[in-house]
């Protein structure tokens, strides 16, 4: 099985999954800016909340 990186927002349950951590960070930073600009969460905190997840490919 393939793996991906996943983040779930601790404030609203927004979730993003991508193949690499840089892609996840990009989406999470935009989400934070748009929805939680006053949240005291650093890039390091976000990094620590990103998890490895297994993904399945449909049609195989």
PDB file of N, CA and C in Angstrom:
ATOM      1  N   UNK A   1       0.836  -1.192   0.000  1.00  0.00           N
ATOM      2  CA  UNK A   1       0.000   0.000   0.000  1.00  0.00           C
ATOM      3  C   UNK A   1       0.876   1.248   0.000  1.00  0.00           C
ATOM      4  N   UNK A   2       0.367   2.253  -0.635  1.00  0.00           N
ATOM      5  CA  UNK A   2       1.065   3.531  -0.685  1.00  0.00           C
ATOM      6  C   UNK A   2       0.766   4.336   0.571  1.00  0.00           C
ATOM      7  N   UNK A   3       1.644   5.274   0.872  1.00  0.00           N
ATOM      8  CA  UNK A   3       1.409   6.147   2.024  1.00  0.00           C
ATOM      9  C   UNK A   3       1.325   7.595   1.562  1.00  0.00           C
ATOM     10  N   UNK A   4       0.684   8.404   2.373  1.00  0.00           N
ATOM     11  CA  UNK A   4       0.546   9.834   2.117  1.00  0.00           C
ATOM     12  C   UNK A   4       0.678  10.556   3.448  1.00  0.00           C
ATOM     13  N   UNK A   5       0.684  11.870   3.388  1.00  0.00           N
ATOM     14  CA  UNK A   5       0.722  12.710   4.575  1.00  0.00           C
ATOM     15  C   UNK A   5      -0.655  13.315   4.776  1.00  0.00           C
ATOM     16  N   UNK A   6      -1.088  13.407   6.044  1.00  0.00           N
ATOM     17  CA  UNK A   6      -2.425  13.922   6.331  1.00  0.00           C
ATOM     18  C   UNK A   6      -2.397  14.845   7.544  1.00  0.00           C
ATOM     19  N   UNK A   7      -3.199  15.897   7.462  1.00  0.00           N
ATOM     20  CA  UNK A   7      -3.366  16.851   8.565  1.00  0.00           C
ATOM     21  C   UNK A   7      -4.851  17.038   8.797  1.00  0.00           C
ATOM     22  N   UNK A   8      -5.250  17.060  10.071  1.00  0.00           N
ATOM     23  CA  UNK A   8      -6.626  17.389  10.441  1.00  0.00           C
ATOM     24  C   UNK A   8      -6.584  18.567  11.395  1.00  0.00           C
ATOM     25  N   UNK A   9      -7.299  19.623  11.056  1.00  0.00           N
ATOM     26  CA  UNK A   9      -7.318  20.838  11.854  1.00  0.00           C
ATOM     27  C   UNK A   9      -7.923  20.558  13.228  1.00  0.00           C
ATOM     28  N   UNK A  10      -7.238  20.962  14.295  1.00  0.00           N
ATOM     29  CA  UNK A  10      -7.762  20.724  15.636  1.00  0.00           C
ATOM     30  C   UNK A  10      -8.905  21.676  16.014  1.00  0.00           C
ATOM     31  N   UNK A  11      -9.163  22.674  15.182  1.00  0.00           N
ATOM     32  CA  UNK A  11     -10.200  23.648  15.491  1.00  0.00           C
ATOM     33  C   UNK A  11     -11.520  23.376  14.772  1.00  0.00           C
ATOM     34  N   UNK A  12     -11.445  22.848  13.540  1.00  0.00           N
ATOM     35  CA  UNK A  12     -12.681  22.692  12.761  1.00  0.00           C
ATOM     36  C   UNK A  12     -12.767  21.379  11.996  1.00  0.00           C
ATOM     37  N   UNK A  13     -11.798  20.525  12.132  1.00  0.00           N
ATOM     38  CA  UNK A  13     -11.769  19.209  11.488  1.00  0.00           C
ATOM     39  C   UNK A  13     -11.519  19.268   9.982  1.00  0.00           C
ATOM     40  N   UNK A  14     -11.113  20.427   9.442  1.00  0.00           N
ATOM     41  CA  UNK A  14     -10.633  20.489   8.057  1.00  0.00           C
ATOM     42  C   UNK A  14      -9.542  19.447   7.908  1.00  0.00           C
ATOM     43  N   UNK A  15      -9.552  18.743   6.786  1.00  0.00           N
ATOM     44  CA  UNK A  15      -8.563  17.685   6.594  1.00  0.00           C
ATOM     45  C   UNK A  15      -7.957  17.804   5.204  1.00  0.00           C
ATOM     46  N   UNK A  16      -6.661  17.596   5.115  1.00  0.00           N
ATOM     47  CA  UNK A  16      -5.980  17.574   3.826  1.00  0.00           C
ATOM     48  C   UNK A  16      -5.027  16.386   3.802  1.00  0.00           C
ATOM     49  N   UNK A  17      -5.012  15.699   2.674  1.00  0.00           N
ATOM     50  CA  UNK A  17      -4.115  14.576   2.446  1.00  0.00           C
ATOM     51  C   UNK A  17      -3.396  14.815   1.131  1.00  0.00           C
ATOM     52  N   UNK A  18      -2.091  14.605   1.133  1.00  0.00           N
ATOM     53  CA  UNK A  18      -1.288  14.789  -0.075  1.00  0.00           C
ATOM     54  C   UNK A  18      -0.122  13.810  -0.053  1.00  0.00           C
ATOM     55  N   UNK A  19       0.536  13.702  -1.174  1.00  0.00           N
ATOM     56  CA  UNK A  19       1.618  12.732  -1.283  1.00  0.00           C
ATOM     57  C   UNK A  19       2.872  13.150  -0.533  1.00  0.00           C
ATOM     58  N   UNK A  20       3.036  14.459  -0.311  1.00  0.00           N
ATOM     59  CA  UNK A  20       4.229  14.880   0.435  1.00  0.00           C
ATOM     60  C   UNK A  20       3.901  15.985   1.430  1.00  0.00           C
ATOM     61  N   UNK A  21       4.771  16.127   2.404  1.00  0.00           N
ATOM     62  CA  UNK A  21       4.539  17.054   3.512  1.00  0.00           C
ATOM     63  C   UNK A  21       4.517  18.518   3.065  1.00  0.00           C
ATOM     64  N   UNK A  22       5.326  18.879   2.078  1.00  0.00           N
ATOM     65  CA  UNK A  22       5.340  20.262   1.599  1.00  0.00           C
ATOM     66  C   UNK A  22       3.985  20.668   1.035  1.00  0.00           C
ATOM     67  N   UNK A  23       3.346  19.756   0.323  1.00  0.00           N
ATOM     68  CA  UNK A  23       2.026  20.036  -0.237  1.00  0.00           C
ATOM     69  C   UNK A  23       0.997  20.210   0.885  1.00  0.00           C
ATOM     70  N   UNK A  24       1.051  19.370   1.888  1.00  0.00           N
ATOM     71  CA  UNK A  24       0.149  19.493   3.033  1.00  0.00           C
ATOM     72  C   UNK A  24       0.367  20.844   3.719  1.00  0.00           C
ATOM     73  N   UNK A  25       1.611  21.191   3.979  1.00  0.00           N
ATOM     74  CA  UNK A  25       1.923  22.459   4.659  1.00  0.00           C
ATOM     75  C   UNK A  25       1.370  23.650   3.880  1.00  0.00           C
ATOM     76  N   UNK A  26       1.487  23.620   2.567  1.00  0.00           N
ATOM     77  CA  UNK A  26       0.991  24.719   1.734  1.00  0.00           C
ATOM     78  C   UNK A  26      -0.512  24.912   1.951  1.00  0.00           C
ATOM     79  N   UNK A  27      -1.272  23.830   1.922  1.00  0.00           N
ATOM     80  CA  UNK A  27      -2.730  23.917   2.091  1.00  0.00           C
ATOM     81  C   UNK A  27      -3.120  24.306   3.520  1.00  0.00           C
ATOM     82  N   UNK A  28      -2.396  23.784   4.496  1.00  0.00           N
ATOM     83  CA  UNK A  28      -2.704  24.092   5.895  1.00  0.00           C
ATOM     84  C   UNK A  28      -2.427  25.563   6.191  1.00  0.00           C
ATOM     85  N   UNK A  29      -1.353  26.111   5.657  1.00  0.00           N
ATOM     86  CA  UNK A  29      -1.045  27.531   5.881  1.00  0.00           C
ATOM     87  C   UNK A  29      -2.138  28.428   5.314  1.00  0.00           C
ATOM     88  N   UNK A  30      -2.644  28.098   4.129  1.00  0.00           N
ATOM     89  CA  UNK A  30      -3.743  28.871   3.536  1.00  0.00           C
ATOM     90  C   UNK A  30      -4.999  28.739   4.398  1.00  0.00           C
ATOM     91  N   UNK A  31      -5.300  27.515   4.828  1.00  0.00           N
ATOM     92  CA  UNK A  31      -6.469  27.279   5.684  1.00  0.00           C
ATOM     93  C   UNK A  31      -6.359  28.081   6.982  1.00  0.00           C
ATOM     94  N   UNK A  32      -5.198  28.035   7.604  1.00  0.00           N
ATOM     95  CA  UNK A  32      -4.990  28.775   8.860  1.00  0.00           C
ATOM     96  C   UNK A  32      -5.189  30.269   8.638  1.00  0.00           C
ATOM     97  N   UNK A  33      -4.600  30.796   7.591  1.00  0.00           N
ATOM     98  CA  UNK A  33      -4.726  32.226   7.300  1.00  0.00           C
ATOM     99  C   UNK A  33      -6.177  32.624   7.049  1.00  0.00           C
ATOM    100  N   UNK A  34      -6.915  31.785   6.320  1.00  0.00           N
ATOM    101  CA  UNK A  34      -8.302  32.103   5.968  1.00  0.00           C
ATOM    102  C   UNK A  34      -9.289  31.882   7.108  1.00  0.00           C
ATOM    103  N   UNK A  35      -9.062  30.860   7.945  1.00  0.00           N
ATOM    104  CA  UNK A  35     -10.073  30.459   8.920  1.00  0.00           C
ATOM    105  C   UNK A  35      -9.675  30.634  10.387  1.00  0.00           C
ATOM    106  N   UNK A  36      -8.387  30.653  10.672  1.00  0.00           N
ATOM    107  CA  UNK A  36      -7.928  30.739  12.067  1.00  0.00           C
ATOM    108  C   UNK A  36      -6.724  31.678  12.191  1.00  0.00           C
ATOM    109  N   UNK A  37      -6.843  32.913  11.708  1.00  0.00           N
ATOM    110  CA  UNK A  37      -5.674  33.804  11.696  1.00  0.00           C
ATOM    111  C   UNK A  37      -5.144  34.147  13.089  1.00  0.00           C
ATOM    112  N   UNK A  38      -5.965  34.050  14.106  1.00  0.00           N
ATOM    113  CA  UNK A  38      -5.530  34.390  15.461  1.00  0.00           C
ATOM    114  C   UNK A  38      -5.034  33.185  16.255  1.00  0.00           C
ATOM    115  N   UNK A  39      -5.076  32.008  15.653  1.00  0.00           N
ATOM    116  CA  UNK A  39      -4.631  30.792  16.351  1.00  0.00           C
ATOM    117  C   UNK A  39      -3.120  30.844  16.565  1.00  0.00           C
ATOM    118  N   UNK A  40      -2.717  30.512  17.767  1.00  0.00           N
ATOM    119  CA  UNK A  40      -1.295  30.516  18.122  1.00  0.00           C
ATOM    120  C   UNK A  40      -0.696  29.141  17.796  1.00  0.00           C
ATOM    121  N   UNK A  41      -0.508  28.900  16.490  1.00  0.00           N
ATOM    122  CA  UNK A  41       0.008  27.617  16.012  1.00  0.00           C
ATOM    123  C   UNK A  41       1.169  27.913  15.069  1.00  0.00           C
ATOM    124  N   UNK A  42       2.323  27.379  15.387  1.00  0.00           N
ATOM    125  CA  UNK A  42       3.513  27.613  14.569  1.00  0.00           C
ATOM    126  C   UNK A  42       3.637  26.568  13.464  1.00  0.00           C
ATOM    127  N   UNK A  43       4.533  26.827  12.514  1.00  0.00           N
ATOM    128  CA  UNK A  43       4.812  25.834  11.478  1.00  0.00           C
ATOM    129  C   UNK A  43       5.304  24.533  12.104  1.00  0.00           C
ATOM    130  N   UNK A  44       6.071  24.641  13.150  1.00  0.00           N
ATOM    131  CA  UNK A  44       6.559  23.455  13.855  1.00  0.00           C
ATOM    132  C   UNK A  44       5.399  22.661  14.458  1.00  0.00           C
ATOM    133  N   UNK A  45       4.430  23.370  15.032  1.00  0.00           N
ATOM    134  CA  UNK A  45       3.241  22.699  15.580  1.00  0.00           C
ATOM    135  C   UNK A  45       2.485  21.958  14.475  1.00  0.00           C
ATOM    136  N   UNK A  46       2.327  22.619  13.345  1.00  0.00           N
ATOM    137  CA  UNK A  46       1.630  22.007  12.218  1.00  0.00           C
ATOM    138  C   UNK A  46       2.383  20.761  11.765  1.00  0.00           C
ATOM    139  N   UNK A  47       3.685  20.898  11.622  1.00  0.00           N
ATOM    140  CA  UNK A  47       4.523  19.755  11.220  1.00  0.00           C
ATOM    141  C   UNK A  47       4.310  18.563  12.152  1.00  0.00           C
ATOM    142  N   UNK A  48       4.240  18.825  13.445  1.00  0.00           N
ATOM    143  CA  UNK A  48       4.066  17.750  14.431  1.00  0.00           C
ATOM    144  C   UNK A  48       2.689  17.087  14.342  1.00  0.00           C
ATOM    145  N   UNK A  49       1.712  17.772  13.750  1.00  0.00           N
ATOM    146  CA  UNK A  49       0.355  17.222  13.625  1.00  0.00           C
ATOM    147  C   UNK A  49       0.140  16.456  12.322  1.00  0.00           C
ATOM    148  N   UNK A  50       1.108  16.477  11.425  1.00  0.00           N
ATOM    149  CA  UNK A  50       0.997  15.748  10.164  1.00  0.00           C
ATOM    150  C   UNK A  50       1.321  14.287  10.409  1.00  0.00           C
ATOM    151  N   UNK A  51       0.457  13.429   9.944  1.00  0.00           N
ATOM    152  CA  UNK A  51       0.590  11.985  10.160  1.00  0.00           C
ATOM    153  C   UNK A  51       0.776  11.253   8.832  1.00  0.00           C
ATOM    154  N   UNK A  52       1.421  10.101   8.890  1.00  0.00           N
ATOM    155  CA  UNK A  52       1.485   9.196   7.748  1.00  0.00           C
ATOM    156  C   UNK A  52       0.210   8.372   7.722  1.00  0.00           C
ATOM    157  N   UNK A  53      -0.379   8.226   6.550  1.00  0.00           N
ATOM    158  CA  UNK A  53      -1.572   7.397   6.397  1.00  0.00           C
ATOM    159  C   UNK A  53      -1.395   6.482   5.193  1.00  0.00           C
ATOM    160  N   UNK A  54      -2.019   5.326   5.247  1.00  0.00           N
ATOM    161  CA  UNK A  54      -2.010   4.413   4.116  1.00  0.00           C
ATOM    162  C   UNK A  54      -3.170   4.767   3.201  1.00  0.00           C
ATOM    163  N   UNK A  55      -2.912   4.718   1.917  1.00  0.00           N
ATOM    164  CA  UNK A  55      -3.965   4.993   0.942  1.00  0.00           C
ATOM    165  C   UNK A  55      -4.081   3.808  -0.017  1.00  0.00           C
ATOM    166  N   UNK A  56      -5.269   3.627  -0.516  1.00  0.00           N
ATOM    167  CA  UNK A  56      -5.488   2.591  -1.523  1.00  0.00           C
ATOM    168  C   UNK A  56      -5.836   3.266  -2.835  1.00  0.00           C
ATOM    169  N   UNK A  57      -5.452   2.639  -3.886  1.00  0.00           N
ATOM    170  CA  UNK A  57      -5.751   3.174  -5.210  1.00  0.00           C
ATOM    171  C   UNK A  57      -6.942   2.430  -5.768  1.00  0.00           C
ATOM    172  N   UNK A  58      -7.946   3.171  -6.190  1.00  0.00           N
ATOM    173  CA  UNK A  58      -9.148   2.537  -6.722  1.00  0.00           C
ATOM    174  C   UNK A  58      -8.876   1.985  -8.131  1.00  0.00           C
ATOM    175  N   UNK A  59      -9.597   0.949  -8.473  1.00  0.00           N
ATOM    176  CA  UNK A  59      -9.466   0.379  -9.803  1.00  0.00           C
ATOM    177  C   UNK A  59      -8.312  -0.587  -9.962  1.00  0.00           C
ATOM    178  N   UNK A  60      -7.724  -1.005  -8.868  1.00  0.00           N
ATOM    179  CA  UNK A  60      -6.592  -1.943  -8.976  1.00  0.00           C
ATOM    180  C   UNK A  60      -6.903  -3.215  -8.247  1.00  0.00           C
TER     181      UNK A  60
END
